[in-house]
Amino acid sequence: PIVHLVPPSSVYSMGTSALIGWIEGPSSNPQPLQVTLRVASADGIADAGAAPVVQKQVPAATNRLVLLSIPKEPRPLLWESSYRCGPEDGGDEFGFITATAPPALSLLLQQDGQKDQQLQQQLAGLKASCGATTPLAPLKADFQLGDDVIDASWPQTLTVECF
């Protein structure tokens, strides 16, 4: 699983910070993660004709918190994260059934940075743990992640990686 560390609405007002974060859970077959940020309208519709502002592939891992510094952009951004699992061949009669999930999507806004100031500070504070570990329980509580998102299969601590 990929969980963007944003409010439950999936709309995050970054203010002056240029830091986003997500957690990746347990997996028996970890895959690289593709992170793409595209210019979007205020209602979250990406400009299909525009080149991505950021496109980064993060190496495969499990049970980690990832922090990514992004360029400051005055326009809203659509943040998309998805695993790069390889091509689906669809060669049989059930080729329309795949093991891939839709990407995690969030809308990043610059205005009204005060609204999510506490979350901005939490992400900035986690940056001090780059290369170390952090407990999962406070993240689960702070970002209002229920048992349907973080279940008993997750570890008690996550490795913190910064890019």
N, C-alpha and C. Protein backbone atom coordinates (compact mmCIF):
# COMPACT_ATOMS: atom_id res chain seq x y z
N PRO A 1 0.82 -1.21 0.00
CA PRO A 1 0.00 0.00 0.00
C PRO A 1 0.86 1.27 0.00
N ILE A 2 0.33 2.30 -0.63
CA ILE A 2 0.92 3.64 -0.64
C ILE A 2 -0.07 4.56 0.06
N VAL A 3 0.39 5.32 1.04
CA VAL A 3 -0.48 6.25 1.75
C VAL A 3 0.17 7.63 1.73
N HIS A 4 -0.44 8.58 1.00
CA HIS A 4 0.05 9.95 1.02
C HIS A 4 -0.24 10.55 2.39
N LEU A 5 0.74 11.26 2.94
CA LEU A 5 0.55 11.91 4.24
C LEU A 5 -0.04 13.30 4.01
N VAL A 6 -1.34 13.30 3.84
CA VAL A 6 -2.13 14.50 3.59
C VAL A 6 -3.40 14.40 4.44
N PRO A 7 -4.17 15.48 4.53
CA PRO A 7 -5.44 15.40 5.26
C PRO A 7 -6.38 14.36 4.63
N PRO A 8 -7.38 13.90 5.37
CA PRO A 8 -8.33 12.90 4.85
C PRO A 8 -9.00 13.30 3.53
N SER A 9 -9.09 14.59 3.25
CA SER A 9 -9.71 15.06 2.00
C SER A 9 -8.81 14.82 0.78
N SER A 10 -7.55 14.46 1.00
CA SER A 10 -6.52 14.31 -0.05
C SER A 10 -6.17 15.64 -0.71
N VAL A 11 -6.52 16.75 -0.06
CA VAL A 11 -6.13 18.08 -0.52
C VAL A 11 -5.22 18.66 0.56
N TYR A 12 -3.99 18.98 0.16
CA TYR A 12 -2.98 19.44 1.12
C TYR A 12 -2.50 20.83 0.74
N SER A 13 -2.66 21.78 1.65
CA SER A 13 -2.16 23.14 1.45
C SER A 13 -0.74 23.20 1.99
N MET A 14 0.22 23.26 1.08
CA MET A 14 1.64 23.18 1.46
C MET A 14 2.18 24.48 2.01
N GLY A 15 1.52 25.61 1.75
CA GLY A 15 2.07 26.89 2.19
C GLY A 15 3.43 27.09 1.57
N THR A 16 4.39 27.53 2.36
CA THR A 16 5.74 27.78 1.83
C THR A 16 6.61 26.54 1.86
N SER A 17 6.14 25.47 2.48
CA SER A 17 6.95 24.25 2.51
C SER A 17 6.97 23.62 1.13
N ALA A 18 7.99 22.89 0.86
CA ALA A 18 8.10 22.19 -0.43
C ALA A 18 8.46 20.74 -0.13
N LEU A 19 7.70 20.15 0.80
CA LEU A 19 7.99 18.80 1.26
C LEU A 19 6.71 17.99 1.27
N ILE A 20 6.75 16.83 0.63
CA ILE A 20 5.63 15.90 0.67
C ILE A 20 6.13 14.58 1.23
N GLY A 21 5.22 13.77 1.72
CA GLY A 21 5.61 12.49 2.29
C GLY A 21 4.55 11.43 2.10
N TRP A 22 5.00 10.19 2.11
CA TRP A 22 4.08 9.06 2.02
C TRP A 22 4.69 7.89 2.76
N ILE A 23 3.85 6.91 3.06
CA ILE A 23 4.34 5.68 3.67
C ILE A 23 4.00 4.52 2.75
N GLU A 24 4.88 3.55 2.77
CA GLU A 24 4.70 2.32 2.01
C GLU A 24 4.68 1.17 3.00
N GLY A 25 3.74 0.28 2.83
CA GLY A 25 3.54 -0.80 3.77
C GLY A 25 4.20 -2.10 3.38
N PRO A 26 3.80 -3.15 4.07
CA PRO A 26 4.39 -4.47 3.84
C PRO A 26 4.06 -5.01 2.44
N SER A 27 5.02 -5.76 1.89
CA SER A 27 4.82 -6.39 0.59
C SER A 27 5.78 -7.56 0.46
N SER A 28 5.32 -8.64 -0.12
CA SER A 28 6.20 -9.79 -0.36
C SER A 28 7.00 -9.60 -1.65
N ASN A 29 6.59 -8.63 -2.49
CA ASN A 29 7.26 -8.38 -3.76
C ASN A 29 7.32 -6.87 -4.01
N PRO A 30 8.19 -6.14 -3.29
CA PRO A 30 8.22 -4.68 -3.46
C PRO A 30 8.63 -4.28 -4.87
N GLN A 31 8.04 -3.17 -5.33
CA GLN A 31 8.30 -2.64 -6.67
C GLN A 31 8.71 -1.18 -6.57
N PRO A 32 9.43 -0.67 -7.58
CA PRO A 32 9.75 0.77 -7.58
C PRO A 32 8.47 1.60 -7.65
N LEU A 33 8.55 2.80 -7.15
CA LEU A 33 7.40 3.69 -7.11
C LEU A 33 7.64 4.87 -8.03
N GLN A 34 6.67 5.18 -8.87
CA GLN A 34 6.73 6.34 -9.76
C GLN A 34 5.92 7.47 -9.14
N VAL A 35 6.56 8.61 -8.90
CA VAL A 35 5.90 9.79 -8.35
C VAL A 35 5.87 10.86 -9.44
N THR A 36 4.67 11.36 -9.73
CA THR A 36 4.52 12.38 -10.77
C THR A 36 3.69 13.53 -10.21
N LEU A 37 4.16 14.75 -10.44
CA LEU A 37 3.40 15.95 -10.08
C LEU A 37 3.16 16.73 -11.36
N ARG A 38 1.88 17.04 -11.60
CA ARG A 38 1.48 17.79 -12.80
C ARG A 38 0.71 19.04 -12.38
N VAL A 39 0.84 20.08 -13.17
CA VAL A 39 0.06 21.29 -12.94
C VAL A 39 -1.42 20.92 -13.09
N ALA A 40 -2.24 21.45 -12.18
CA ALA A 40 -3.67 21.12 -12.17
C ALA A 40 -4.48 22.38 -11.93
N SER A 41 -5.76 22.27 -12.22
CA SER A 41 -6.68 23.35 -11.88
C SER A 41 -7.02 23.23 -10.39
N ALA A 42 -7.67 24.23 -9.85
CA ALA A 42 -8.02 24.22 -8.42
C ALA A 42 -8.96 23.09 -8.05
N ASP A 43 -9.65 22.51 -9.03
CA ASP A 43 -10.53 21.38 -8.73
C ASP A 43 -9.85 20.03 -8.95
N GLY A 44 -8.52 20.04 -9.20
CA GLY A 44 -7.76 18.79 -9.26
C GLY A 44 -7.66 18.15 -10.62
N ILE A 45 -8.02 18.85 -11.69
CA ILE A 45 -7.92 18.30 -13.03
C ILE A 45 -6.54 18.64 -13.59
N ALA A 46 -5.77 17.61 -13.95
CA ALA A 46 -4.42 17.83 -14.47
C ALA A 46 -4.48 18.36 -15.90
N ASP A 47 -3.52 19.20 -16.24
CA ASP A 47 -3.38 19.70 -17.60
C ASP A 47 -2.68 18.62 -18.41
N ALA A 48 -3.43 17.89 -19.22
CA ALA A 48 -2.91 16.75 -19.96
C ALA A 48 -1.80 17.14 -20.93
N GLY A 49 -1.80 18.36 -21.41
CA GLY A 49 -0.80 18.78 -22.37
C GLY A 49 0.51 19.25 -21.76
N ALA A 50 0.52 19.48 -20.46
CA ALA A 50 1.72 20.00 -19.80
C ALA A 50 2.66 18.88 -19.37
N ALA A 51 3.95 19.14 -19.50
CA ALA A 51 4.94 18.17 -19.02
C ALA A 51 4.89 18.13 -17.49
N PRO A 52 5.21 16.98 -16.89
CA PRO A 52 5.21 16.91 -15.43
C PRO A 52 6.20 17.90 -14.81
N VAL A 53 5.84 18.47 -13.69
CA VAL A 53 6.73 19.35 -12.93
C VAL A 53 7.80 18.49 -12.26
N VAL A 54 7.40 17.32 -11.77
CA VAL A 54 8.31 16.35 -11.16
C VAL A 54 7.90 14.97 -11.64
N GLN A 55 8.90 14.18 -12.00
CA GLN A 55 8.66 12.78 -12.30
C GLN A 55 9.87 12.03 -11.76
N LYS A 56 9.66 11.24 -10.71
CA LYS A 56 10.76 10.57 -10.03
C LYS A 56 10.40 9.12 -9.77
N GLN A 57 11.35 8.24 -10.04
CA GLN A 57 11.16 6.84 -9.69
C GLN A 57 11.97 6.57 -8.42
N VAL A 58 11.30 6.05 -7.41
CA VAL A 58 11.92 5.76 -6.12
C VAL A 58 12.15 4.25 -6.04
N PRO A 59 13.36 3.82 -5.66
CA PRO A 59 13.66 2.38 -5.63
C PRO A 59 12.69 1.60 -4.74
N ALA A 60 12.53 0.33 -5.06
CA ALA A 60 11.61 -0.54 -4.32
C ALA A 60 12.05 -0.71 -2.87
N ALA A 61 11.09 -0.73 -1.97
CA ALA A 61 11.32 -0.99 -0.55
C ALA A 61 9.96 -1.21 0.11
N THR A 62 10.00 -1.65 1.34
CA THR A 62 8.77 -1.82 2.11
C THR A 62 8.93 -1.14 3.46
N ASN A 63 7.81 -0.92 4.11
CA ASN A 63 7.79 -0.43 5.48
C ASN A 63 8.67 0.80 5.67
N ARG A 64 8.35 1.81 4.90
CA ARG A 64 9.14 3.04 4.99
C ARG A 64 8.26 4.27 4.89
N LEU A 65 8.80 5.36 5.40
CA LEU A 65 8.24 6.69 5.22
C LEU A 65 9.20 7.42 4.30
N VAL A 66 8.68 8.01 3.23
CA VAL A 66 9.51 8.72 2.27
C VAL A 66 9.15 10.20 2.29
N LEU A 67 10.16 11.04 2.36
CA LEU A 67 9.98 12.48 2.28
C LEU A 67 10.65 12.95 0.99
N LEU A 68 9.95 13.76 0.22
CA LEU A 68 10.45 14.24 -1.06
C LEU A 68 10.35 15.75 -1.11
N SER A 69 11.49 16.41 -1.31
CA SER A 69 11.50 17.86 -1.51
C SER A 69 11.13 18.12 -2.96
N ILE A 70 10.19 19.03 -3.17
CA ILE A 70 9.72 19.33 -4.52
C ILE A 70 9.94 20.82 -4.80
N PRO A 71 10.00 21.19 -6.08
CA PRO A 71 10.15 22.61 -6.39
C PRO A 71 8.90 23.39 -5.98
N LYS A 72 9.11 24.62 -5.56
CA LYS A 72 7.96 25.47 -5.22
C LYS A 72 7.26 25.85 -6.51
N GLU A 73 5.97 25.68 -6.51
CA GLU A 73 5.14 25.92 -7.70
C GLU A 73 3.93 26.71 -7.25
N PRO A 74 3.68 27.88 -7.85
CA PRO A 74 2.55 28.70 -7.40
C PRO A 74 1.18 28.12 -7.79
N ARG A 75 1.14 27.22 -8.76
CA ARG A 75 -0.13 26.65 -9.21
C ARG A 75 -0.41 25.33 -8.48
N PRO A 76 -1.68 24.93 -8.41
CA PRO A 76 -2.00 23.63 -7.82
C PRO A 76 -1.32 22.49 -8.59
N LEU A 77 -0.98 21.43 -7.87
CA LEU A 77 -0.35 20.26 -8.48
C LEU A 77 -1.16 19.01 -8.16
N LEU A 78 -1.29 18.13 -9.14
CA LEU A 78 -1.88 16.82 -8.91
C LEU A 78 -0.73 15.86 -8.66
N TRP A 79 -0.72 15.23 -7.49
CA TRP A 79 0.34 14.31 -7.07
C TRP A 79 -0.18 12.90 -7.26
N GLU A 80 0.54 12.14 -8.06
CA GLU A 80 0.16 10.76 -8.37
C GLU A 80 1.32 9.83 -8.03
N SER A 81 1.03 8.77 -7.30
CA SER A 81 2.05 7.76 -6.94
C SER A 81 1.52 6.39 -7.33
N SER A 82 2.34 5.62 -8.05
CA SER A 82 1.93 4.27 -8.43
C SER A 82 3.16 3.38 -8.55
N TYR A 83 2.97 2.10 -8.26
CA TYR A 83 4.06 1.14 -8.37
C TYR A 83 4.31 0.81 -9.83
N ARG A 84 5.57 0.61 -10.19
CA ARG A 84 5.97 0.22 -11.55
C ARG A 84 6.13 -1.29 -11.53
N CYS A 85 5.06 -2.01 -11.82
CA CYS A 85 5.04 -3.47 -11.69
C CYS A 85 5.36 -4.20 -12.98
N GLY A 86 5.67 -3.51 -14.05
CA GLY A 86 5.96 -4.17 -15.32
C GLY A 86 4.71 -4.23 -16.16
N PRO A 87 4.88 -4.61 -17.42
CA PRO A 87 3.74 -4.62 -18.34
C PRO A 87 2.76 -5.73 -18.02
N GLU A 88 1.49 -5.43 -18.23
CA GLU A 88 0.42 -6.43 -18.14
C GLU A 88 0.19 -6.93 -19.56
N ASP A 89 0.31 -8.23 -19.79
CA ASP A 89 0.19 -8.69 -21.17
C ASP A 89 -1.25 -8.85 -21.62
N GLY A 90 -2.16 -9.20 -20.74
CA GLY A 90 -3.56 -9.33 -21.11
C GLY A 90 -3.78 -10.34 -22.22
N GLY A 91 -2.94 -11.38 -22.28
CA GLY A 91 -2.97 -12.32 -23.38
C GLY A 91 -4.05 -13.38 -23.31
N ASP A 92 -4.76 -13.53 -22.21
CA ASP A 92 -5.78 -14.57 -22.14
C ASP A 92 -7.17 -13.95 -22.11
N GLU A 93 -8.19 -14.80 -21.96
CA GLU A 93 -9.55 -14.28 -22.00
C GLU A 93 -9.88 -13.38 -20.82
N PHE A 94 -9.07 -13.46 -19.75
CA PHE A 94 -9.29 -12.60 -18.59
C PHE A 94 -8.23 -11.50 -18.52
N GLY A 95 -7.69 -11.10 -19.65
CA GLY A 95 -6.62 -10.10 -19.72
C GLY A 95 -7.00 -8.75 -19.15
N PHE A 96 -8.30 -8.49 -19.01
CA PHE A 96 -8.72 -7.22 -18.45
C PHE A 96 -8.58 -7.19 -16.93
N ILE A 97 -8.33 -8.35 -16.30
CA ILE A 97 -8.15 -8.41 -14.85
C ILE A 97 -6.66 -8.26 -14.58
N THR A 98 -6.30 -7.27 -13.76
CA THR A 98 -4.89 -7.03 -13.47
C THR A 98 -4.68 -7.00 -11.96
N ALA A 99 -3.42 -7.15 -11.58
CA ALA A 99 -3.06 -7.11 -10.16
C ALA A 99 -2.68 -5.70 -9.74
N THR A 100 -2.72 -4.74 -10.65
CA THR A 100 -2.33 -3.39 -10.32
C THR A 100 -3.52 -2.61 -9.77
N ALA A 101 -3.20 -1.63 -8.94
CA ALA A 101 -4.24 -0.79 -8.34
C ALA A 101 -4.16 0.59 -8.96
N PRO A 102 -5.22 1.38 -8.83
CA PRO A 102 -5.14 2.75 -9.32
C PRO A 102 -4.11 3.53 -8.50
N PRO A 103 -3.57 4.60 -9.08
CA PRO A 103 -2.56 5.37 -8.34
C PRO A 103 -3.17 6.10 -7.15
N ALA A 104 -2.31 6.38 -6.17
CA ALA A 104 -2.71 7.26 -5.07
C ALA A 104 -2.67 8.68 -5.62
N LEU A 105 -3.73 9.46 -5.38
CA LEU A 105 -3.84 10.82 -5.90
C LEU A 105 -4.10 11.81 -4.79
N SER A 106 -3.42 12.95 -4.85
CA SER A 106 -3.66 14.05 -3.91
C SER A 106 -3.51 15.36 -4.66
N LEU A 107 -4.20 16.38 -4.19
CA LEU A 107 -4.10 17.72 -4.76
C LEU A 107 -3.27 18.56 -3.81
N LEU A 108 -2.21 19.19 -4.35
CA LEU A 108 -1.32 20.04 -3.56
C LEU A 108 -1.61 21.50 -3.90
N LEU A 109 -1.90 22.30 -2.88
CA LEU A 109 -2.20 23.71 -3.06
C LEU A 109 -1.15 24.56 -2.36
N GLN A 110 -0.90 25.74 -2.87
CA GLN A 110 0.04 26.67 -2.23
C GLN A 110 -0.69 27.64 -1.31
N GLN A 111 -1.88 28.10 -1.72
CA GLN A 111 -2.58 29.09 -0.92
C GLN A 111 -3.10 28.48 0.37
N ASP A 112 -3.45 29.34 1.30
CA ASP A 112 -4.03 28.92 2.59
C ASP A 112 -3.11 27.94 3.31
N GLY A 113 -1.82 28.25 3.33
CA GLY A 113 -0.85 27.38 3.98
C GLY A 113 -1.09 27.22 5.47
N GLN A 114 -1.76 28.18 6.10
CA GLN A 114 -2.03 28.09 7.53
C GLN A 114 -2.96 26.93 7.86
N LYS A 115 -3.81 26.58 6.90
CA LYS A 115 -4.80 25.53 7.12
C LYS A 115 -4.16 24.21 7.54
N ASP A 116 -3.09 23.84 6.87
CA ASP A 116 -2.42 22.56 7.15
C ASP A 116 -1.05 22.76 7.79
N GLN A 117 -0.90 23.84 8.53
CA GLN A 117 0.39 24.17 9.13
C GLN A 117 0.89 23.06 10.06
N GLN A 118 0.01 22.45 10.82
CA GLN A 118 0.43 21.38 11.72
C GLN A 118 1.01 20.20 10.94
N LEU A 119 0.39 19.83 9.83
CA LEU A 119 0.91 18.73 9.01
C LEU A 119 2.24 19.11 8.38
N GLN A 120 2.37 20.37 7.94
CA GLN A 120 3.64 20.84 7.38
C GLN A 120 4.75 20.71 8.42
N GLN A 121 4.47 21.09 9.66
CA GLN A 121 5.46 21.01 10.73
C GLN A 121 5.81 19.56 11.05
N GLN A 122 4.81 18.66 11.01
CA GLN A 122 5.08 17.25 11.27
C GLN A 122 6.02 16.67 10.22
N LEU A 123 5.78 16.98 8.95
CA LEU A 123 6.65 16.49 7.89
C LEU A 123 8.06 17.06 8.04
N ALA A 124 8.16 18.36 8.34
CA ALA A 124 9.47 18.99 8.54
C ALA A 124 10.20 18.34 9.71
N GLY A 125 9.48 18.03 10.77
CA GLY A 125 10.09 17.38 11.94
C GLY A 125 10.58 15.98 11.62
N LEU A 126 9.87 15.27 10.77
CA LEU A 126 10.28 13.92 10.38
C LEU A 126 11.56 13.93 9.55
N LYS A 127 11.84 15.05 8.90
CA LYS A 127 13.05 15.15 8.07
C LYS A 127 14.31 14.95 8.92
N ALA A 128 14.25 15.27 10.20
CA ALA A 128 15.39 15.06 11.09
C ALA A 128 15.69 13.57 11.30
N SER A 129 14.74 12.70 10.93
CA SER A 129 14.91 11.25 11.10
C SER A 129 15.39 10.56 9.83
N CYS A 130 15.78 11.31 8.80
CA CYS A 130 16.25 10.70 7.55
C CYS A 130 17.37 9.69 7.85
N GLY A 131 17.25 8.49 7.31
CA GLY A 131 18.24 7.45 7.52
C GLY A 131 18.03 6.65 8.79
N ALA A 132 17.08 7.03 9.60
CA ALA A 132 16.79 6.33 10.86
C ALA A 132 15.40 5.70 10.75
N THR A 133 14.77 5.49 11.89
CA THR A 133 13.42 4.95 11.91
C THR A 133 12.51 5.87 12.71
N THR A 134 11.21 5.69 12.52
CA THR A 134 10.22 6.45 13.28
C THR A 134 9.08 5.50 13.62
N PRO A 135 8.46 5.68 14.78
CA PRO A 135 7.33 4.82 15.13
C PRO A 135 6.12 5.09 14.25
N LEU A 136 5.37 4.05 13.94
CA LEU A 136 4.20 4.17 13.08
C LEU A 136 2.98 4.73 13.82
N ALA A 137 2.80 4.40 15.08
CA ALA A 137 1.59 4.79 15.82
C ALA A 137 1.30 6.29 15.78
N PRO A 138 2.30 7.17 16.02
CA PRO A 138 1.99 8.61 15.96
C PRO A 138 1.57 9.06 14.56
N LEU A 139 2.16 8.49 13.51
CA LEU A 139 1.76 8.83 12.15
C LEU A 139 0.31 8.44 11.91
N LYS A 140 -0.04 7.25 12.38
CA LYS A 140 -1.41 6.76 12.20
C LYS A 140 -2.40 7.70 12.87
N ALA A 141 -2.07 8.17 14.07
CA ALA A 141 -2.96 9.08 14.79
C ALA A 141 -2.96 10.48 14.17
N ASP A 142 -1.78 11.05 13.90
CA ASP A 142 -1.68 12.42 13.40
C ASP A 142 -2.34 12.59 12.03
N PHE A 143 -2.22 11.58 11.18
CA PHE A 143 -2.78 11.69 9.84
C PHE A 143 -4.13 10.99 9.70
N GLN A 144 -4.71 10.61 10.85
CA GLN A 144 -6.05 10.02 10.91
C GLN A 144 -6.17 8.81 9.98
N LEU A 145 -5.22 7.90 10.10
CA LEU A 145 -5.22 6.68 9.29
C LEU A 145 -5.84 5.55 10.11
N GLY A 146 -7.01 5.11 9.72
CA GLY A 146 -7.74 4.09 10.47
C GLY A 146 -7.18 2.70 10.25
N ASP A 147 -7.78 1.73 10.93
CA ASP A 147 -7.37 0.33 10.82
C ASP A 147 -7.62 -0.23 9.42
N ASP A 148 -8.50 0.42 8.65
CA ASP A 148 -8.72 -0.02 7.28
C ASP A 148 -7.54 0.36 6.37
N VAL A 149 -6.73 1.33 6.81
CA VAL A 149 -5.55 1.75 6.05
C VAL A 149 -4.29 1.10 6.62
N ILE A 150 -4.09 1.22 7.91
CA ILE A 150 -2.93 0.65 8.61
C ILE A 150 -3.45 -0.47 9.50
N ASP A 151 -3.25 -1.71 9.05
CA ASP A 151 -3.76 -2.84 9.83
C ASP A 151 -2.64 -3.54 10.58
N ALA A 152 -2.93 -4.67 11.17
CA ALA A 152 -1.98 -5.40 12.02
C ALA A 152 -0.78 -5.95 11.25
N SER A 153 -0.84 -5.98 9.92
CA SER A 153 0.29 -6.50 9.15
C SER A 153 1.44 -5.50 9.06
N TRP A 154 1.19 -4.25 9.42
CA TRP A 154 2.24 -3.23 9.35
C TRP A 154 3.16 -3.36 10.56
N PRO A 155 4.45 -3.00 10.40
CA PRO A 155 5.38 -3.06 11.53
C PRO A 155 5.16 -1.88 12.48
N GLN A 156 5.80 -1.93 13.63
CA GLN A 156 5.69 -0.86 14.63
C GLN A 156 6.51 0.37 14.26
N THR A 157 7.59 0.17 13.46
CA THR A 157 8.45 1.30 13.05
C THR A 157 8.64 1.28 11.53
N LEU A 158 8.94 2.46 11.00
CA LEU A 158 9.19 2.60 9.57
C LEU A 158 10.57 3.23 9.38
N THR A 159 11.26 2.83 8.34
CA THR A 159 12.52 3.47 7.96
C THR A 159 12.17 4.79 7.28
N VAL A 160 12.93 5.83 7.57
CA VAL A 160 12.69 7.15 6.98
C VAL A 160 13.74 7.38 5.89
N GLU A 161 13.26 7.61 4.65
CA GLU A 161 14.15 7.90 3.53
C GLU A 161 13.79 9.28 2.98
N CYS A 162 14.80 10.04 2.63
CA CYS A 162 14.57 11.40 2.12
C CYS A 162 15.23 11.56 0.75
N PHE A 163 14.50 12.18 -0.16
CA PHE A 163 14.97 12.43 -1.52
C PHE A 163 14.81 13.89 -1.86
